[in-house]
Amino acid sequence: MPQKRTHFVKPDDPVLSKSAAAVDLGQITSHEINTDIEKMLHTAYGEQTDRTKPLLVGLAAPQIGISKQIILVDVAARGKGEVGNLRVYVNPEIIWKSKEKSEWYEGCYSTDRVCGIVSRPNKIKIKAYTRTGNQIEEEHEGYAARIFQHEIDHLHGIEFISHITDDDKLHWVKDDEFAYYRDKEVWRNWPKKCPRKKWEAIKGL
């Protein structure tokens, strides 16, 4: 969860509700796209110089006002604070999902203090381009697969809250509570709910 939101658009910004533009393949290595990626990486790492410890596990370009299909995913993330392998994916798409699903918590820099329990496929296969223009396919499972699904959703104007139909699984978590919420898995029975109307007011709906 964010403690510093200066780079992020507000939850009611229209950019979060629309589909982002695919990056032209001939422009992936351009100065413009490289600048966008560096802005995203700066947001992910903040002012720290240690690039083995990003401050977040995922980021989609629209979250910082760039309506392009670029995401960052830390494929080493395990859902309890572990980080260490943040990668850039351009024009990512999910080409396969497992039938088996599981529930886990999700939070977002773009949903204020709203977190919740979301059911998603356990395993996925993605196709994307690296920042050098190489096409890749990767399989991911567990928490890393969840991050990919969360961030790719952002590219299509979808936020995790839309996947939650049981309002009891929609939570209000303050910044100083998030580590406890995450690490102790108290998200499974979090007592502080976020009424749907409260979220809609934040979103400006």
N, C-alpha and C. Protein backbone atom coordinates (compact mmCIF):
# COMPACT_ATOMS: atom_id res chain seq x y z
N MET A 1 0.85 -1.19 0.00
CA MET A 1 0.00 0.00 0.00
C MET A 1 0.88 1.24 0.00
N PRO A 2 0.44 2.31 -0.61
CA PRO A 2 1.26 3.50 -0.73
C PRO A 2 1.35 4.31 0.53
N GLN A 3 2.52 4.84 0.79
CA GLN A 3 2.69 5.84 1.83
C GLN A 3 3.03 7.17 1.19
N LYS A 4 3.39 7.12 -0.08
CA LYS A 4 3.71 8.33 -0.83
C LYS A 4 3.05 8.21 -2.19
N ARG A 5 2.12 9.11 -2.47
CA ARG A 5 1.30 8.96 -3.67
C ARG A 5 1.52 10.08 -4.68
N THR A 6 2.60 10.79 -4.59
CA THR A 6 2.77 12.00 -5.39
C THR A 6 2.76 11.74 -6.89
N HIS A 7 3.18 10.56 -7.34
CA HIS A 7 3.25 10.29 -8.77
C HIS A 7 1.94 9.73 -9.33
N PHE A 8 1.03 9.35 -8.45
CA PHE A 8 -0.15 8.63 -8.89
C PHE A 8 -1.34 9.55 -9.15
N VAL A 9 -2.09 9.22 -10.20
CA VAL A 9 -3.31 9.97 -10.45
C VAL A 9 -4.32 9.62 -9.36
N LYS A 10 -5.30 10.46 -9.16
CA LYS A 10 -6.31 10.23 -8.14
C LYS A 10 -7.26 9.12 -8.58
N PRO A 11 -7.90 8.45 -7.62
CA PRO A 11 -8.78 7.33 -7.96
C PRO A 11 -9.89 7.67 -8.95
N ASP A 12 -10.30 8.93 -8.99
CA ASP A 12 -11.39 9.30 -9.91
C ASP A 12 -10.90 9.82 -11.25
N ASP A 13 -9.60 9.70 -11.53
CA ASP A 13 -9.07 10.16 -12.81
C ASP A 13 -9.60 9.28 -13.94
N PRO A 14 -10.12 9.86 -15.01
CA PRO A 14 -10.68 9.08 -16.13
C PRO A 14 -9.69 8.11 -16.77
N VAL A 15 -8.40 8.38 -16.68
CA VAL A 15 -7.41 7.51 -17.32
C VAL A 15 -7.47 6.09 -16.76
N LEU A 16 -7.94 5.94 -15.51
CA LEU A 16 -8.01 4.63 -14.88
C LEU A 16 -9.20 3.80 -15.36
N SER A 17 -10.12 4.44 -16.06
CA SER A 17 -11.34 3.75 -16.48
C SER A 17 -11.41 3.48 -17.98
N LYS A 18 -10.33 3.75 -18.69
CA LYS A 18 -10.33 3.52 -20.13
C LYS A 18 -9.21 2.57 -20.53
N SER A 19 -9.35 2.00 -21.71
CA SER A 19 -8.32 1.10 -22.20
C SER A 19 -7.11 1.89 -22.68
N ALA A 20 -5.94 1.42 -22.29
CA ALA A 20 -4.69 2.08 -22.69
C ALA A 20 -4.33 1.69 -24.12
N ALA A 21 -3.58 2.54 -24.77
CA ALA A 21 -3.18 2.29 -26.16
C ALA A 21 -2.00 1.32 -26.21
N ALA A 22 -2.06 0.40 -27.16
CA ALA A 22 -0.92 -0.49 -27.38
C ALA A 22 0.26 0.32 -27.90
N VAL A 23 1.44 -0.08 -27.52
CA VAL A 23 2.65 0.60 -27.99
C VAL A 23 2.99 0.07 -29.38
N ASP A 24 3.19 0.96 -30.33
CA ASP A 24 3.60 0.57 -31.67
C ASP A 24 4.93 -0.18 -31.57
N LEU A 25 4.99 -1.34 -32.21
CA LEU A 25 6.19 -2.17 -32.08
C LEU A 25 7.45 -1.46 -32.53
N GLY A 26 7.32 -0.57 -33.49
CA GLY A 26 8.49 0.17 -33.96
C GLY A 26 8.92 1.28 -33.02
N GLN A 27 8.10 1.54 -32.00
CA GLN A 27 8.40 2.62 -31.06
C GLN A 27 8.85 2.13 -29.68
N ILE A 28 8.89 0.81 -29.48
CA ILE A 28 9.21 0.28 -28.15
C ILE A 28 10.55 0.80 -27.63
N THR A 29 11.54 0.89 -28.51
CA THR A 29 12.87 1.35 -28.07
C THR A 29 13.06 2.85 -28.27
N SER A 30 12.00 3.56 -28.56
CA SER A 30 12.11 5.01 -28.81
C SER A 30 12.39 5.77 -27.52
N HIS A 31 12.85 7.00 -27.69
CA HIS A 31 13.13 7.87 -26.54
C HIS A 31 11.87 8.10 -25.72
N GLU A 32 10.75 8.28 -26.40
CA GLU A 32 9.49 8.54 -25.70
C GLU A 32 9.10 7.39 -24.78
N ILE A 33 9.13 6.17 -25.31
CA ILE A 33 8.74 5.02 -24.50
C ILE A 33 9.77 4.76 -23.40
N ASN A 34 11.04 4.95 -23.70
CA ASN A 34 12.07 4.78 -22.69
C ASN A 34 11.87 5.77 -21.55
N THR A 35 11.48 7.00 -21.88
CA THR A 35 11.21 8.01 -20.85
C THR A 35 10.02 7.59 -19.99
N ASP A 36 8.98 7.05 -20.62
CA ASP A 36 7.82 6.58 -19.87
C ASP A 36 8.21 5.45 -18.92
N ILE A 37 9.01 4.52 -19.40
CA ILE A 37 9.44 3.39 -18.57
C ILE A 37 10.29 3.86 -17.41
N GLU A 38 11.19 4.80 -17.66
CA GLU A 38 12.03 5.31 -16.58
C GLU A 38 11.20 6.05 -15.53
N LYS A 39 10.15 6.73 -15.97
CA LYS A 39 9.26 7.39 -15.01
C LYS A 39 8.56 6.34 -14.14
N MET A 40 8.16 5.25 -14.75
CA MET A 40 7.54 4.17 -13.99
C MET A 40 8.53 3.54 -13.00
N LEU A 41 9.75 3.31 -13.46
CA LEU A 41 10.75 2.72 -12.57
C LEU A 41 11.10 3.66 -11.42
N HIS A 42 11.15 4.94 -11.70
CA HIS A 42 11.42 5.91 -10.63
C HIS A 42 10.29 5.87 -9.60
N THR A 43 9.07 5.71 -10.08
CA THR A 43 7.93 5.60 -9.17
C THR A 43 8.05 4.32 -8.33
N ALA A 44 8.51 3.25 -8.96
CA ALA A 44 8.62 1.97 -8.26
C ALA A 44 9.72 1.96 -7.21
N TYR A 45 10.82 2.65 -7.47
CA TYR A 45 11.96 2.62 -6.56
C TYR A 45 12.08 3.86 -5.68
N GLY A 46 11.37 4.92 -6.03
CA GLY A 46 11.50 6.15 -5.26
C GLY A 46 12.90 6.72 -5.37
N GLU A 47 13.38 7.25 -4.29
CA GLU A 47 14.71 7.88 -4.27
C GLU A 47 15.82 6.90 -3.94
N GLN A 48 15.48 5.67 -3.60
CA GLN A 48 16.52 4.73 -3.21
C GLN A 48 17.31 4.25 -4.42
N THR A 49 18.55 3.96 -4.20
CA THR A 49 19.44 3.52 -5.28
C THR A 49 19.51 2.00 -5.40
N ASP A 50 19.08 1.29 -4.36
CA ASP A 50 19.12 -0.18 -4.37
C ASP A 50 17.97 -0.70 -5.23
N ARG A 51 18.30 -1.20 -6.42
CA ARG A 51 17.26 -1.68 -7.32
C ARG A 51 16.96 -3.16 -7.14
N THR A 52 17.30 -3.70 -5.99
CA THR A 52 16.86 -5.04 -5.64
C THR A 52 15.65 -4.98 -4.72
N LYS A 53 15.26 -3.76 -4.33
CA LYS A 53 14.16 -3.63 -3.37
C LYS A 53 13.18 -2.55 -3.81
N PRO A 54 12.34 -2.86 -4.80
CA PRO A 54 11.33 -1.88 -5.21
C PRO A 54 10.33 -1.62 -4.09
N LEU A 55 9.69 -0.47 -4.13
CA LEU A 55 8.73 -0.11 -3.11
C LEU A 55 7.35 -0.71 -3.38
N LEU A 56 7.16 -1.26 -4.56
CA LEU A 56 5.88 -1.86 -4.92
C LEU A 56 6.12 -3.07 -5.80
N VAL A 57 5.13 -3.94 -5.87
CA VAL A 57 5.31 -5.19 -6.60
C VAL A 57 4.76 -5.13 -8.02
N GLY A 58 3.99 -4.09 -8.32
CA GLY A 58 3.44 -3.96 -9.65
C GLY A 58 3.02 -2.53 -9.93
N LEU A 59 3.01 -2.18 -11.20
CA LEU A 59 2.59 -0.84 -11.60
C LEU A 59 2.16 -0.88 -13.06
N ALA A 60 1.04 -0.24 -13.36
CA ALA A 60 0.59 -0.08 -14.74
C ALA A 60 0.71 1.38 -15.12
N ALA A 61 1.12 1.63 -16.34
CA ALA A 61 1.36 3.01 -16.78
C ALA A 61 0.18 3.95 -16.54
N PRO A 62 -1.08 3.53 -16.75
CA PRO A 62 -2.18 4.47 -16.50
C PRO A 62 -2.24 4.99 -15.06
N GLN A 63 -1.69 4.24 -14.12
CA GLN A 63 -1.73 4.67 -12.73
C GLN A 63 -0.96 5.97 -12.49
N ILE A 64 -0.02 6.25 -13.37
CA ILE A 64 0.71 7.52 -13.24
C ILE A 64 0.41 8.43 -14.43
N GLY A 65 -0.75 8.19 -15.05
CA GLY A 65 -1.23 9.09 -16.09
C GLY A 65 -0.75 8.82 -17.49
N ILE A 66 -0.09 7.68 -17.71
CA ILE A 66 0.41 7.32 -19.04
C ILE A 66 -0.51 6.24 -19.61
N SER A 67 -1.33 6.59 -20.57
CA SER A 67 -2.32 5.65 -21.11
C SER A 67 -1.70 4.79 -22.21
N LYS A 68 -0.75 3.96 -21.80
CA LYS A 68 -0.07 3.06 -22.72
C LYS A 68 0.04 1.69 -22.06
N GLN A 69 0.14 0.66 -22.89
CA GLN A 69 0.16 -0.71 -22.38
C GLN A 69 1.57 -1.12 -21.94
N ILE A 70 1.93 -0.63 -20.77
CA ILE A 70 3.22 -0.95 -20.16
C ILE A 70 2.96 -1.26 -18.69
N ILE A 71 3.55 -2.33 -18.20
CA ILE A 71 3.43 -2.66 -16.78
C ILE A 71 4.80 -3.04 -16.22
N LEU A 72 4.91 -2.95 -14.91
CA LEU A 72 6.04 -3.49 -14.17
C LEU A 72 5.50 -4.58 -13.26
N VAL A 73 6.21 -5.69 -13.16
CA VAL A 73 5.82 -6.77 -12.26
C VAL A 73 7.06 -7.32 -11.57
N ASP A 74 7.00 -7.44 -10.24
CA ASP A 74 8.08 -8.09 -9.51
C ASP A 74 7.76 -9.57 -9.45
N VAL A 75 8.43 -10.34 -10.27
CA VAL A 75 8.12 -11.77 -10.37
C VAL A 75 8.64 -12.56 -9.16
N ALA A 76 9.39 -11.89 -8.28
CA ALA A 76 9.87 -12.55 -7.06
C ALA A 76 8.91 -12.35 -5.89
N ALA A 77 7.88 -11.53 -6.08
CA ALA A 77 6.95 -11.23 -5.00
C ALA A 77 6.17 -12.47 -4.59
N ARG A 78 5.95 -12.60 -3.28
CA ARG A 78 5.22 -13.75 -2.76
C ARG A 78 4.03 -13.34 -1.88
N GLY A 79 3.77 -12.04 -1.77
CA GLY A 79 2.59 -11.60 -1.05
C GLY A 79 2.78 -11.27 0.41
N LYS A 80 4.00 -11.37 0.90
CA LYS A 80 4.26 -11.03 2.30
C LYS A 80 5.48 -10.12 2.42
N GLY A 81 5.66 -9.28 1.41
CA GLY A 81 6.74 -8.30 1.47
C GLY A 81 7.99 -8.68 0.70
N GLU A 82 8.07 -9.92 0.20
CA GLU A 82 9.26 -10.33 -0.56
C GLU A 82 9.26 -9.63 -1.91
N VAL A 83 10.41 -9.11 -2.29
CA VAL A 83 10.57 -8.45 -3.58
C VAL A 83 11.97 -8.73 -4.11
N GLY A 84 12.24 -8.25 -5.34
CA GLY A 84 13.62 -8.37 -5.80
C GLY A 84 13.84 -8.64 -7.27
N ASN A 85 12.77 -8.72 -8.08
CA ASN A 85 12.98 -8.97 -9.51
C ASN A 85 11.90 -8.25 -10.31
N LEU A 86 12.00 -6.93 -10.35
CA LEU A 86 11.01 -6.11 -11.04
C LEU A 86 11.34 -6.05 -12.53
N ARG A 87 10.37 -6.41 -13.37
CA ARG A 87 10.59 -6.47 -14.81
C ARG A 87 9.60 -5.58 -15.56
N VAL A 88 10.00 -5.18 -16.76
CA VAL A 88 9.18 -4.33 -17.62
C VAL A 88 8.52 -5.21 -18.69
N TYR A 89 7.21 -4.99 -18.89
CA TYR A 89 6.47 -5.73 -19.93
C TYR A 89 5.68 -4.73 -20.76
N VAL A 90 5.87 -4.78 -22.07
CA VAL A 90 5.18 -3.89 -23.00
C VAL A 90 4.14 -4.69 -23.78
N ASN A 91 2.95 -4.13 -23.92
CA ASN A 91 1.83 -4.80 -24.60
C ASN A 91 1.59 -6.22 -24.07
N PRO A 92 1.49 -6.37 -22.76
CA PRO A 92 1.30 -7.71 -22.20
C PRO A 92 -0.12 -8.21 -22.40
N GLU A 93 -0.26 -9.48 -22.61
CA GLU A 93 -1.58 -10.09 -22.68
C GLU A 93 -1.53 -11.49 -22.10
N ILE A 94 -2.62 -11.89 -21.50
CA ILE A 94 -2.72 -13.22 -20.93
C ILE A 94 -3.26 -14.15 -22.00
N ILE A 95 -2.51 -15.20 -22.31
CA ILE A 95 -2.93 -16.11 -23.38
C ILE A 95 -3.43 -17.44 -22.85
N TRP A 96 -3.32 -17.64 -21.54
CA TRP A 96 -3.87 -18.86 -20.93
C TRP A 96 -4.04 -18.63 -19.43
N LYS A 97 -5.13 -19.17 -18.89
CA LYS A 97 -5.37 -19.12 -17.45
C LYS A 97 -5.77 -20.51 -16.97
N SER A 98 -5.35 -20.87 -15.78
CA SER A 98 -5.75 -22.15 -15.22
C SER A 98 -7.21 -22.09 -14.77
N LYS A 99 -7.85 -23.22 -14.74
CA LYS A 99 -9.22 -23.29 -14.24
C LYS A 99 -9.24 -23.17 -12.72
N GLU A 100 -8.17 -23.61 -12.07
CA GLU A 100 -8.09 -23.55 -10.62
C GLU A 100 -7.88 -22.11 -10.17
N LYS A 101 -8.64 -21.69 -9.19
CA LYS A 101 -8.55 -20.33 -8.67
C LYS A 101 -8.29 -20.36 -7.17
N SER A 102 -7.85 -19.22 -6.65
CA SER A 102 -7.71 -19.07 -5.21
C SER A 102 -7.96 -17.62 -4.82
N GLU A 103 -8.25 -17.42 -3.54
CA GLU A 103 -8.48 -16.07 -3.02
C GLU A 103 -7.24 -15.56 -2.30
N TRP A 104 -6.98 -14.27 -2.45
CA TRP A 104 -5.89 -13.61 -1.74
C TRP A 104 -6.24 -12.13 -1.66
N TYR A 105 -5.55 -11.43 -0.79
CA TYR A 105 -5.83 -10.00 -0.67
C TYR A 105 -5.24 -9.23 -1.85
N GLU A 106 -5.82 -8.10 -2.16
CA GLU A 106 -5.23 -7.16 -3.11
C GLU A 106 -5.45 -5.74 -2.60
N GLY A 107 -4.46 -4.91 -2.84
CA GLY A 107 -4.55 -3.48 -2.57
C GLY A 107 -4.02 -2.78 -3.80
N CYS A 108 -4.13 -1.46 -3.83
CA CYS A 108 -3.72 -0.76 -5.03
C CYS A 108 -3.41 0.70 -4.72
N TYR A 109 -2.40 1.23 -5.41
CA TYR A 109 -2.06 2.63 -5.27
C TYR A 109 -3.16 3.52 -5.83
N SER A 110 -4.05 2.97 -6.62
CA SER A 110 -5.07 3.77 -7.29
C SER A 110 -6.46 3.64 -6.68
N THR A 111 -6.56 2.93 -5.54
CA THR A 111 -7.87 2.77 -4.91
C THR A 111 -7.89 3.31 -3.49
N ASP A 112 -7.03 4.28 -3.23
CA ASP A 112 -6.97 4.89 -1.91
C ASP A 112 -6.64 3.82 -0.87
N ARG A 113 -7.42 3.71 0.19
CA ARG A 113 -7.14 2.72 1.25
C ARG A 113 -8.05 1.50 1.14
N VAL A 114 -8.63 1.31 -0.03
CA VAL A 114 -9.52 0.18 -0.24
C VAL A 114 -8.73 -1.05 -0.67
N CYS A 115 -8.88 -2.12 0.10
CA CYS A 115 -8.28 -3.42 -0.23
C CYS A 115 -9.41 -4.44 -0.28
N GLY A 116 -9.07 -5.68 -0.61
CA GLY A 116 -10.12 -6.67 -0.63
C GLY A 116 -9.61 -8.04 -1.00
N ILE A 117 -10.52 -9.02 -0.92
CA ILE A 117 -10.19 -10.41 -1.22
C ILE A 117 -10.73 -10.74 -2.61
N VAL A 118 -9.81 -11.16 -3.48
CA VAL A 118 -10.15 -11.37 -4.89
C VAL A 118 -9.81 -12.80 -5.30
N SER A 119 -10.71 -13.42 -6.02
CA SER A 119 -10.48 -14.75 -6.58
C SER A 119 -9.92 -14.61 -7.99
N ARG A 120 -8.79 -15.28 -8.25
CA ARG A 120 -8.17 -15.25 -9.57
C ARG A 120 -7.57 -16.62 -9.90
N PRO A 121 -7.36 -16.90 -11.19
CA PRO A 121 -6.67 -18.14 -11.58
C PRO A 121 -5.29 -18.24 -10.94
N ASN A 122 -4.91 -19.46 -10.56
CA ASN A 122 -3.63 -19.69 -9.89
C ASN A 122 -2.43 -19.58 -10.82
N LYS A 123 -2.63 -19.93 -12.10
CA LYS A 123 -1.53 -19.94 -13.04
C LYS A 123 -1.95 -19.24 -14.33
N ILE A 124 -1.00 -18.59 -14.97
CA ILE A 124 -1.27 -17.93 -16.24
C ILE A 124 -0.06 -18.06 -17.16
N LYS A 125 -0.31 -17.80 -18.42
CA LYS A 125 0.78 -17.67 -19.39
C LYS A 125 0.58 -16.33 -20.08
N ILE A 126 1.65 -15.55 -20.15
CA ILE A 126 1.56 -14.22 -20.75
C ILE A 126 2.47 -14.11 -21.97
N LYS A 127 2.08 -13.20 -22.86
CA LYS A 127 2.91 -12.84 -24.00
C LYS A 127 3.11 -11.34 -23.92
N ALA A 128 4.33 -10.89 -24.18
CA ALA A 128 4.63 -9.46 -24.08
C ALA A 128 5.92 -9.17 -24.83
N TYR A 129 6.32 -7.89 -24.75
CA TYR A 129 7.60 -7.46 -25.31
C TYR A 129 8.44 -6.87 -24.19
N THR A 130 9.74 -7.10 -24.28
CA THR A 130 10.66 -6.45 -23.35
C THR A 130 10.89 -5.01 -23.80
N ARG A 131 11.56 -4.23 -22.99
CA ARG A 131 11.82 -2.83 -23.36
C ARG A 131 12.82 -2.73 -24.51
N THR A 132 13.49 -3.84 -24.84
CA THR A 132 14.40 -3.84 -25.98
C THR A 132 13.71 -4.34 -27.25
N GLY A 133 12.41 -4.65 -27.15
CA GLY A 133 11.63 -5.04 -28.32
C GLY A 133 11.56 -6.52 -28.60
N ASN A 134 12.06 -7.35 -27.71
CA ASN A 134 12.00 -8.80 -27.91
C ASN A 134 10.68 -9.36 -27.41
N GLN A 135 10.06 -10.21 -28.22
CA GLN A 135 8.82 -10.84 -27.80
C GLN A 135 9.13 -12.01 -26.88
N ILE A 136 8.36 -12.14 -25.81
CA ILE A 136 8.60 -13.21 -24.84
C ILE A 136 7.27 -13.86 -24.46
N GLU A 137 7.35 -15.09 -23.98
CA GLU A 137 6.22 -15.76 -23.35
C GLU A 137 6.71 -16.32 -22.02
N GLU A 138 5.93 -16.15 -20.98
CA GLU A 138 6.31 -16.62 -19.65
C GLU A 138 5.10 -17.23 -18.96
N GLU A 139 5.38 -18.21 -18.11
CA GLU A 139 4.34 -18.78 -17.25
C GLU A 139 4.61 -18.35 -15.82
N HIS A 140 3.57 -17.99 -15.11
CA HIS A 140 3.70 -17.57 -13.71
C HIS A 140 2.58 -18.19 -12.90
N GLU A 141 2.85 -18.35 -11.62
CA GLU A 141 1.84 -18.90 -10.73
C GLU A 141 1.85 -18.16 -9.40
N GLY A 142 0.84 -18.43 -8.59
CA GLY A 142 0.77 -17.84 -7.27
C GLY A 142 0.62 -16.34 -7.29
N TYR A 143 1.34 -15.69 -6.38
CA TYR A 143 1.19 -14.25 -6.21
C TYR A 143 1.66 -13.48 -7.44
N ALA A 144 2.71 -13.93 -8.09
CA ALA A 144 3.20 -13.25 -9.30
C ALA A 144 2.12 -13.27 -10.38
N ALA A 145 1.44 -14.41 -10.53
CA ALA A 145 0.35 -14.49 -11.51
C ALA A 145 -0.76 -13.52 -11.17
N ARG A 146 -1.02 -13.35 -9.90
CA ARG A 146 -2.05 -12.41 -9.45
C ARG A 146 -1.65 -10.98 -9.81
N ILE A 147 -0.39 -10.63 -9.63
CA ILE A 147 0.06 -9.27 -9.96
C ILE A 147 -0.12 -9.01 -11.45
N PHE A 148 0.27 -9.96 -12.28
CA PHE A 148 0.08 -9.78 -13.72
C PHE A 148 -1.38 -9.51 -14.05
N GLN A 149 -2.28 -10.30 -13.48
CA GLN A 149 -3.69 -10.13 -13.77
C GLN A 149 -4.19 -8.77 -13.30
N HIS A 150 -3.74 -8.36 -12.13
CA HIS A 150 -4.13 -7.06 -11.57
C HIS A 150 -3.66 -5.91 -12.46
N GLU A 151 -2.40 -5.95 -12.88
CA GLU A 151 -1.83 -4.86 -13.67
C GLU A 151 -2.37 -4.86 -15.10
N ILE A 152 -2.55 -6.03 -15.70
CA ILE A 152 -3.11 -6.08 -17.05
C ILE A 152 -4.56 -5.60 -17.03
N ASP A 153 -5.28 -5.89 -15.96
CA ASP A 153 -6.63 -5.32 -15.80
C ASP A 153 -6.59 -3.80 -15.92
N HIS A 154 -5.61 -3.18 -15.26
CA HIS A 154 -5.49 -1.72 -15.31
C HIS A 154 -5.41 -1.21 -16.76
N LEU A 155 -4.75 -1.97 -17.62
CA LEU A 155 -4.59 -1.55 -19.01
C LEU A 155 -5.91 -1.55 -19.76
N HIS A 156 -6.91 -2.21 -19.18
CA HIS A 156 -8.23 -2.28 -19.81
C HIS A 156 -9.28 -1.53 -18.99
N GLY A 157 -8.81 -0.66 -18.11
CA GLY A 157 -9.73 0.16 -17.33
C GLY A 157 -10.47 -0.58 -16.24
N ILE A 158 -9.90 -1.70 -15.78
CA ILE A 158 -10.55 -2.54 -14.77
C ILE A 158 -9.75 -2.48 -13.47
N GLU A 159 -10.44 -2.26 -12.36
CA GLU A 159 -9.79 -2.29 -11.05
C GLU A 159 -10.27 -3.50 -10.27
N PHE A 160 -9.44 -3.98 -9.35
CA PHE A 160 -9.72 -5.24 -8.67
C PHE A 160 -11.08 -5.25 -7.97
N ILE A 161 -11.55 -4.09 -7.57
CA ILE A 161 -12.80 -4.01 -6.84
C ILE A 161 -13.97 -4.55 -7.67
N SER A 162 -13.87 -4.44 -8.99
CA SER A 162 -14.95 -4.92 -9.85
C SER A 162 -15.07 -6.45 -9.81
N HIS A 163 -14.03 -7.13 -9.32
CA HIS A 163 -14.07 -8.59 -9.22
C HIS A 163 -14.70 -9.05 -7.90
N ILE A 164 -14.94 -8.14 -6.99
CA ILE A 164 -15.49 -8.48 -5.68
C ILE A 164 -16.99 -8.27 -5.67
N THR A 165 -17.73 -9.34 -5.50
CA THR A 165 -19.19 -9.24 -5.45
C THR A 165 -19.74 -9.29 -4.03
N ASP A 166 -18.96 -9.86 -3.11
CA ASP A 166 -19.34 -9.94 -1.70
C ASP A 166 -18.75 -8.73 -0.98
N ASP A 167 -19.59 -7.78 -0.59
CA ASP A 167 -19.08 -6.56 0.04
C ASP A 167 -18.37 -6.81 1.36
N ASP A 168 -18.57 -7.97 1.95
CA ASP A 168 -17.87 -8.30 3.19
C ASP A 168 -16.38 -8.48 2.92
N LYS A 169 -16.02 -8.69 1.65
CA LYS A 169 -14.62 -8.87 1.27
C LYS A 169 -13.99 -7.58 0.77
N LEU A 170 -14.68 -6.47 0.97
CA LEU A 170 -14.18 -5.15 0.58
C LEU A 170 -13.77 -4.42 1.85
N HIS A 171 -12.48 -4.09 1.98
CA HIS A 171 -11.92 -3.63 3.25
C HIS A 171 -11.36 -2.21 3.19
N TRP A 172 -11.34 -1.57 4.34
CA TRP A 172 -10.72 -0.25 4.50
C TRP A 172 -9.49 -0.44 5.35
N VAL A 173 -8.31 -0.16 4.79
CA VAL A 173 -7.04 -0.43 5.47
C VAL A 173 -6.17 0.83 5.44
N LYS A 174 -5.88 1.38 6.60
CA LYS A 174 -5.03 2.56 6.67
C LYS A 174 -3.58 2.18 6.35
N ASP A 175 -2.80 3.17 5.93
CA ASP A 175 -1.41 2.90 5.54
C ASP A 175 -0.63 2.20 6.65
N ASP A 176 -0.80 2.66 7.89
CA ASP A 176 -0.02 2.08 8.98
C ASP A 176 -0.56 0.72 9.43
N GLU A 177 -1.64 0.27 8.85
CA GLU A 177 -2.19 -1.04 9.16
C GLU A 177 -1.84 -2.08 8.11
N PHE A 178 -1.34 -1.63 6.96
CA PHE A 178 -1.24 -2.54 5.82
C PHE A 178 -0.27 -3.70 6.05
N ALA A 179 0.90 -3.45 6.64
CA ALA A 179 1.86 -4.53 6.87
C ALA A 179 1.24 -5.62 7.75
N TYR A 180 0.50 -5.22 8.76
CA TYR A 180 -0.19 -6.19 9.63
C TYR A 180 -1.27 -6.92 8.84
N TYR A 181 -2.02 -6.19 8.07
CA TYR A 181 -3.09 -6.76 7.22
C TYR A 181 -2.51 -7.81 6.29
N ARG A 182 -1.35 -7.52 5.70
CA ARG A 182 -0.70 -8.39 4.73
C ARG A 182 0.04 -9.55 5.38
N ASP A 183 0.97 -9.23 6.27
CA ASP A 183 1.92 -10.23 6.76
C ASP A 183 1.30 -11.25 7.70
N LYS A 184 0.34 -10.84 8.48
CA LYS A 184 -0.29 -11.75 9.44
C LYS A 184 -1.54 -12.43 8.87
N GLU A 185 -1.81 -12.13 7.60
CA GLU A 185 -2.98 -12.68 6.91
C GLU A 185 -4.28 -12.39 7.64
N VAL A 186 -4.32 -11.26 8.33
CA VAL A 186 -5.57 -10.89 8.99
C VAL A 186 -6.59 -10.37 7.99
N TRP A 187 -6.16 -10.21 6.73
CA TRP A 187 -7.11 -9.85 5.68
C TRP A 187 -8.21 -10.91 5.53
N ARG A 188 -7.93 -12.10 6.00
CA ARG A 188 -8.93 -13.15 5.89
C ARG A 188 -10.18 -12.86 6.72
N ASN A 189 -10.00 -12.11 7.81
CA ASN A 189 -11.13 -11.76 8.67
C ASN A 189 -11.05 -10.30 9.11
N TRP A 190 -10.74 -9.41 8.17
CA TRP A 190 -10.54 -8.00 8.50
C TRP A 190 -11.88 -7.37 8.94
N PRO A 191 -11.90 -6.73 10.10
CA PRO A 191 -13.17 -6.20 10.62
C PRO A 191 -13.60 -4.87 10.01
N LYS A 192 -12.67 -4.13 9.41
CA LYS A 192 -12.99 -2.80 8.90
C LYS A 192 -13.40 -2.89 7.44
N LYS A 193 -14.69 -2.76 7.21
CA LYS A 193 -15.23 -2.89 5.86
C LYS A 193 -15.27 -1.54 5.15
N CYS A 194 -15.34 -1.62 3.82
CA CYS A 194 -15.53 -0.42 3.01
C CYS A 194 -16.85 -0.57 2.27
N PRO A 195 -17.89 0.10 2.73
CA PRO A 195 -19.17 0.01 2.02
C PRO A 195 -19.02 0.38 0.55
N ARG A 196 -19.74 -0.30 -0.30
CA ARG A 196 -19.64 -0.06 -1.73
C ARG A 196 -19.88 1.42 -2.07
N LYS A 197 -20.81 2.03 -1.36
CA LYS A 197 -21.12 3.44 -1.62
C LYS A 197 -19.93 4.35 -1.30
N LYS A 198 -19.14 3.95 -0.32
CA LYS A 198 -17.94 4.71 0.03
C LYS A 198 -16.94 4.65 -1.12
N TRP A 199 -16.75 3.47 -1.68
CA TRP A 199 -15.85 3.32 -2.82
C TRP A 199 -16.36 4.12 -4.00
N GLU A 200 -17.65 4.06 -4.25
CA GLU A 200 -18.23 4.79 -5.38
C GLU A 200 -18.04 6.29 -5.20
N ALA A 201 -18.10 6.76 -3.96
CA ALA A 201 -17.86 8.18 -3.71
C ALA A 201 -16.41 8.55 -3.98
N ILE A 202 -15.48 7.68 -3.59
CA ILE A 202 -14.05 7.91 -3.85
C ILE A 202 -13.80 7.94 -5.35
N LYS A 203 -14.46 7.05 -6.06
CA LYS A 203 -14.28 6.90 -7.49
C LYS A 203 -15.00 7.99 -8.27
N GLY A 204 -15.92 8.67 -7.59
CA GLY A 204 -16.68 9.72 -8.26
C GLY A 204 -17.79 9.18 -9.14
N LEU A 205 -18.34 8.03 -8.76
CA LEU A 205 -19.40 7.39 -9.55
C LEU A 205 -20.77 7.91 -9.15
